């Protein structure tokens, strides 16, 4: 029950974000490109997923 802050250290990916205001019928989540040095926050109770789109930049 708190907001989250993410910092992307390396690589790139996609953030999928579904705001909690549409909890009954969420529909399609919004998509945002993320990349090295990106910083973003996720509001309280928003459903989210991060997807790595650069497999060569995986963490060990």
C-alpha atoms as a PDB file:
ATOM      1  CA  UNK A   1       0.000   0.000   0.000  1.00  0.00           C
ATOM      2  CA  UNK A   2       2.661   2.487  -1.018  1.00  0.00           C
ATOM      3  CA  UNK A   3       3.994   3.989  -4.197  1.00  0.00           C
ATOM      4  CA  UNK A   4       7.148   2.524  -5.744  1.00  0.00           C
ATOM      5  CA  UNK A   5      10.097   4.221  -7.457  1.00  0.00           C
ATOM      6  CA  UNK A   6      12.212   2.433 -10.068  1.00  0.00           C
ATOM      7  CA  UNK A   7      15.603   3.403 -11.491  1.00  0.00           C
ATOM      8  CA  UNK A   8      16.784   1.553 -14.609  1.00  0.00           C
ATOM      9  CA  UNK A   9      20.545   1.087 -14.322  1.00  0.00           C
ATOM     10  CA  UNK A  10      21.098  -0.573 -17.699  1.00  0.00           C
ATOM     11  CA  UNK A  11      19.197  -2.138 -20.566  1.00  0.00           C
ATOM     12  CA  UNK A  12      15.782  -1.323 -21.956  1.00  0.00           C
ATOM     13  CA  UNK A  13      12.269  -2.595 -21.653  1.00  0.00           C
ATOM     14  CA  UNK A  14       8.576  -1.880 -21.496  1.00  0.00           C
ATOM     15  CA  UNK A  15       6.516  -0.822 -18.507  1.00  0.00           C
ATOM     16  CA  UNK A  16       2.897  -2.003 -18.551  1.00  0.00           C
ATOM     17  CA  UNK A  17       0.731   0.071 -16.221  1.00  0.00           C
ATOM     18  CA  UNK A  18      -2.965  -0.374 -15.376  1.00  0.00           C
ATOM     19  CA  UNK A  19      -4.251   2.400 -13.094  1.00  0.00           C
ATOM     20  CA  UNK A  20      -6.303   1.276 -10.103  1.00  0.00           C
ATOM     21  CA  UNK A  21      -9.091   3.698 -11.049  1.00  0.00           C
ATOM     22  CA  UNK A  22     -10.341   1.122 -13.575  1.00  0.00           C
ATOM     23  CA  UNK A  23     -10.331  -1.897 -11.247  1.00  0.00           C
ATOM     24  CA  UNK A  24     -13.742  -3.212 -12.350  1.00  0.00           C
ATOM     25  CA  UNK A  25     -12.911  -3.160 -16.083  1.00  0.00           C
ATOM     26  CA  UNK A  26      -9.168  -2.556 -16.403  1.00  0.00           C
ATOM     27  CA  UNK A  27      -8.942  -3.037 -20.177  1.00  0.00           C
ATOM     28  CA  UNK A  28      -5.570  -2.796 -21.889  1.00  0.00           C
ATOM     29  CA  UNK A  29      -2.679  -1.437 -19.797  1.00  0.00           C
ATOM     30  CA  UNK A  30      -0.711   1.573 -20.966  1.00  0.00           C
ATOM     31  CA  UNK A  31       2.745   0.836 -22.400  1.00  0.00           C
ATOM     32  CA  UNK A  32       5.823   2.972 -21.752  1.00  0.00           C
ATOM     33  CA  UNK A  33       9.345   2.467 -23.106  1.00  0.00           C
ATOM     34  CA  UNK A  34      12.050   2.435 -20.448  1.00  0.00           C
ATOM     35  CA  UNK A  35      15.809   2.618 -20.942  1.00  0.00           C
ATOM     36  CA  UNK A  36      19.087   3.191 -19.091  1.00  0.00           C
ATOM     37  CA  UNK A  37      18.898   6.071 -16.615  1.00  0.00           C
ATOM     38  CA  UNK A  38      15.071   6.091 -16.637  1.00  0.00           C
ATOM     39  CA  UNK A  39      13.389   6.877 -13.335  1.00  0.00           C
ATOM     40  CA  UNK A  40       9.656   6.429 -12.813  1.00  0.00           C
ATOM     41  CA  UNK A  41       7.163   5.871 -10.032  1.00  0.00           C
ATOM     42  CA  UNK A  42       4.156   3.583  -9.709  1.00  0.00           C
ATOM     43  CA  UNK A  43       1.198   5.094  -7.824  1.00  0.00           C
ATOM     44  CA  UNK A  44      -0.371   3.267  -4.875  1.00  0.00           C
ATOM     45  CA  UNK A  45      -2.293   0.109  -5.905  1.00  0.00           C
ATOM     46  CA  UNK A  46      -1.616   0.466  -9.657  1.00  0.00           C
ATOM     47  CA  UNK A  47      -1.006  -2.893 -11.339  1.00  0.00           C
ATOM     48  CA  UNK A  48       2.301  -2.960 -13.217  1.00  0.00           C
ATOM     49  CA  UNK A  49       4.730  -5.237 -15.025  1.00  0.00           C
ATOM     50  CA  UNK A  50       8.228  -4.652 -16.377  1.00  0.00           C
ATOM     51  CA  UNK A  51       9.384  -6.531 -19.459  1.00  0.00           C
ATOM     52  CA  UNK A  52      13.057  -6.728 -20.503  1.00  0.00           C
ATOM     53  CA  UNK A  53      13.333  -6.109 -24.259  1.00  0.00           C
ATOM     54  CA  UNK A  54      17.132  -6.353 -24.419  1.00  0.00           C
ATOM     55  CA  UNK A  55      18.205  -9.862 -23.416  1.00  0.00           C
ATOM     56  CA  UNK A  56      21.893  -8.986 -23.905  1.00  0.00           C
ATOM     57  CA  UNK A  57      21.613  -6.584 -20.943  1.00  0.00           C
ATOM     58  CA  UNK A  58      20.261  -9.168 -18.460  1.00  0.00           C
ATOM     59  CA  UNK A  59      21.497  -8.969 -14.906  1.00  0.00           C
ATOM     60  CA  UNK A  60      23.840 -11.835 -13.929  1.00  0.00           C
END
